[in-house]
């Protein structure tokens, strides 16, 4: 992966982590879905090979997380984003 791809995967993972760990009074669960739905739609336009490559990269990033809760969310991110469908 290029540095650009790595950075974008990291940024996407950070957004998912932030949304998942935000209190309901900060961002409602319905709003989280509205934020992620168009992202999932865009990612579905990738080839199956590219979706798998992105999922693999996000899984690598999750292994670098030192906080167990953030690590779990990062590990679940490919599924959250529909990359494994």
C-alpha atoms as a PDB file:
ATOM      1  CA  UNK A   1       0.000   0.000   0.000  1.00  0.00           C
ATOM      2  CA  UNK A   2       1.113   3.506  -0.720  1.00  0.00           C
ATOM      3  CA  UNK A   3       1.488   6.128   2.022  1.00  0.00           C
ATOM      4  CA  UNK A   4      -1.686   7.771   0.703  1.00  0.00           C
ATOM      5  CA  UNK A   5      -3.674   4.542   0.962  1.00  0.00           C
ATOM      6  CA  UNK A   6      -2.286   3.899   4.435  1.00  0.00           C
ATOM      7  CA  UNK A   7      -3.191   7.411   5.588  1.00  0.00           C
ATOM      8  CA  UNK A   8      -6.710   7.211   4.159  1.00  0.00           C
ATOM      9  CA  UNK A   9      -7.293   3.799   5.763  1.00  0.00           C
ATOM     10  CA  UNK A  10      -6.060   5.162   9.097  1.00  0.00           C
ATOM     11  CA  UNK A  11      -8.291   8.245   8.798  1.00  0.00           C
ATOM     12  CA  UNK A  12     -11.319   6.108   7.929  1.00  0.00           C
ATOM     13  CA  UNK A  13     -10.613   3.825  10.870  1.00  0.00           C
ATOM     14  CA  UNK A  14     -10.294   6.808  13.217  1.00  0.00           C
ATOM     15  CA  UNK A  15     -13.685   8.110  12.083  1.00  0.00           C
ATOM     16  CA  UNK A  16     -15.324   4.742  12.742  1.00  0.00           C
ATOM     17  CA  UNK A  17     -13.652   4.512  16.154  1.00  0.00           C
ATOM     18  CA  UNK A  18     -14.751   8.050  17.065  1.00  0.00           C
ATOM     19  CA  UNK A  19     -18.336   7.395  15.989  1.00  0.00           C
ATOM     20  CA  UNK A  20     -18.466   4.086  17.847  1.00  0.00           C
ATOM     21  CA  UNK A  21     -17.025   5.483  21.064  1.00  0.00           C
ATOM     22  CA  UNK A  22     -19.016   8.720  21.145  1.00  0.00           C
ATOM     23  CA  UNK A  23     -21.662   9.021  23.809  1.00  0.00           C
ATOM     24  CA  UNK A  24     -25.249   8.986  22.572  1.00  0.00           C
ATOM     25  CA  UNK A  25     -25.632  12.579  23.738  1.00  0.00           C
ATOM     26  CA  UNK A  26     -22.727  13.613  21.480  1.00  0.00           C
ATOM     27  CA  UNK A  27     -23.863  11.780  18.370  1.00  0.00           C
ATOM     28  CA  UNK A  28     -27.038   9.750  18.174  1.00  0.00           C
ATOM     29  CA  UNK A  29     -26.785   6.194  16.812  1.00  0.00           C
ATOM     30  CA  UNK A  30     -29.104   7.215  13.962  1.00  0.00           C
ATOM     31  CA  UNK A  31     -26.667   9.952  12.994  1.00  0.00           C
ATOM     32  CA  UNK A  32     -23.790   7.482  13.001  1.00  0.00           C
ATOM     33  CA  UNK A  33     -25.687   5.335  10.510  1.00  0.00           C
ATOM     34  CA  UNK A  34     -26.400   8.369   8.324  1.00  0.00           C
ATOM     35  CA  UNK A  35     -22.682   9.240   8.323  1.00  0.00           C
ATOM     36  CA  UNK A  36     -21.524   5.721   7.484  1.00  0.00           C
ATOM     37  CA  UNK A  37     -24.149   4.752   4.884  1.00  0.00           C
ATOM     38  CA  UNK A  38     -22.705   6.863   2.042  1.00  0.00           C
ATOM     39  CA  UNK A  39     -19.190   5.695   2.922  1.00  0.00           C
ATOM     40  CA  UNK A  40     -20.287   2.063   2.701  1.00  0.00           C
ATOM     41  CA  UNK A  41     -21.952   2.794  -0.640  1.00  0.00           C
ATOM     42  CA  UNK A  42     -18.785   4.360  -2.061  1.00  0.00           C
ATOM     43  CA  UNK A  43     -16.637   1.482  -0.808  1.00  0.00           C
ATOM     44  CA  UNK A  44     -18.943  -1.021  -2.511  1.00  0.00           C
ATOM     45  CA  UNK A  45     -17.807   0.471  -5.837  1.00  0.00           C
ATOM     46  CA  UNK A  46     -14.324  -0.939  -5.189  1.00  0.00           C
ATOM     47  CA  UNK A  47     -13.443  -4.279  -6.679  1.00  0.00           C
ATOM     48  CA  UNK A  48     -13.600  -7.268  -4.348  1.00  0.00           C
ATOM     49  CA  UNK A  49      -9.805  -7.375  -4.434  1.00  0.00           C
ATOM     50  CA  UNK A  50      -9.514  -3.710  -3.406  1.00  0.00           C
ATOM     51  CA  UNK A  51     -12.111  -4.135  -0.633  1.00  0.00           C
ATOM     52  CA  UNK A  52     -10.130  -7.085   0.708  1.00  0.00           C
ATOM     53  CA  UNK A  53      -6.876  -5.109   0.501  1.00  0.00           C
ATOM     54  CA  UNK A  54      -8.451  -2.252   2.455  1.00  0.00           C
ATOM     55  CA  UNK A  55      -9.843  -4.684   5.032  1.00  0.00           C
ATOM     56  CA  UNK A  56      -6.392  -6.249   5.408  1.00  0.00           C
ATOM     57  CA  UNK A  57      -4.799  -2.841   5.882  1.00  0.00           C
ATOM     58  CA  UNK A  58      -7.366  -1.842   8.509  1.00  0.00           C
ATOM     59  CA  UNK A  59      -6.746  -5.138  10.300  1.00  0.00           C
ATOM     60  CA  UNK A  60      -3.019  -4.345  10.329  1.00  0.00           C
ATOM     61  CA  UNK A  61      -3.805  -0.935  11.790  1.00  0.00           C
ATOM     62  CA  UNK A  62      -5.985  -2.524  14.459  1.00  0.00           C
ATOM     63  CA  UNK A  63      -3.019  -4.583  15.635  1.00  0.00           C
ATOM     64  CA  UNK A  64      -1.139  -1.346  16.320  1.00  0.00           C
ATOM     65  CA  UNK A  65      -3.827  -0.061  18.695  1.00  0.00           C
ATOM     66  CA  UNK A  66      -2.793  -0.244  22.343  1.00  0.00           C
ATOM     67  CA  UNK A  67      -6.212   0.525  23.826  1.00  0.00           C
ATOM     68  CA  UNK A  68      -8.258  -2.708  23.865  1.00  0.00           C
ATOM     69  CA  UNK A  69     -11.582  -0.975  23.140  1.00  0.00           C
ATOM     70  CA  UNK A  70     -10.155   0.987  20.206  1.00  0.00           C
ATOM     71  CA  UNK A  71      -8.440  -2.161  18.964  1.00  0.00           C
ATOM     72  CA  UNK A  72     -11.709  -4.107  18.966  1.00  0.00           C
ATOM     73  CA  UNK A  73     -13.534  -1.337  17.114  1.00  0.00           C
ATOM     74  CA  UNK A  74     -10.715  -1.059  14.569  1.00  0.00           C
ATOM     75  CA  UNK A  75     -10.750  -4.837  14.110  1.00  0.00           C
ATOM     76  CA  UNK A  76     -14.524  -4.685  13.470  1.00  0.00           C
ATOM     77  CA  UNK A  77     -14.220  -1.746  11.054  1.00  0.00           C
ATOM     78  CA  UNK A  78     -13.978  -3.816   7.836  1.00  0.00           C
ATOM     79  CA  UNK A  79     -17.265  -5.504   8.689  1.00  0.00           C
ATOM     80  CA  UNK A  80     -18.829  -2.183   9.739  1.00  0.00           C
ATOM     81  CA  UNK A  81     -17.890  -0.728   6.361  1.00  0.00           C
ATOM     82  CA  UNK A  82     -19.191  -3.699   4.397  1.00  0.00           C
ATOM     83  CA  UNK A  83     -15.755  -4.635   3.102  1.00  0.00           C
ATOM     84  CA  UNK A  84     -16.168  -8.317   3.905  1.00  0.00           C
ATOM     85  CA  UNK A  85     -19.557  -8.795   2.272  1.00  0.00           C
END
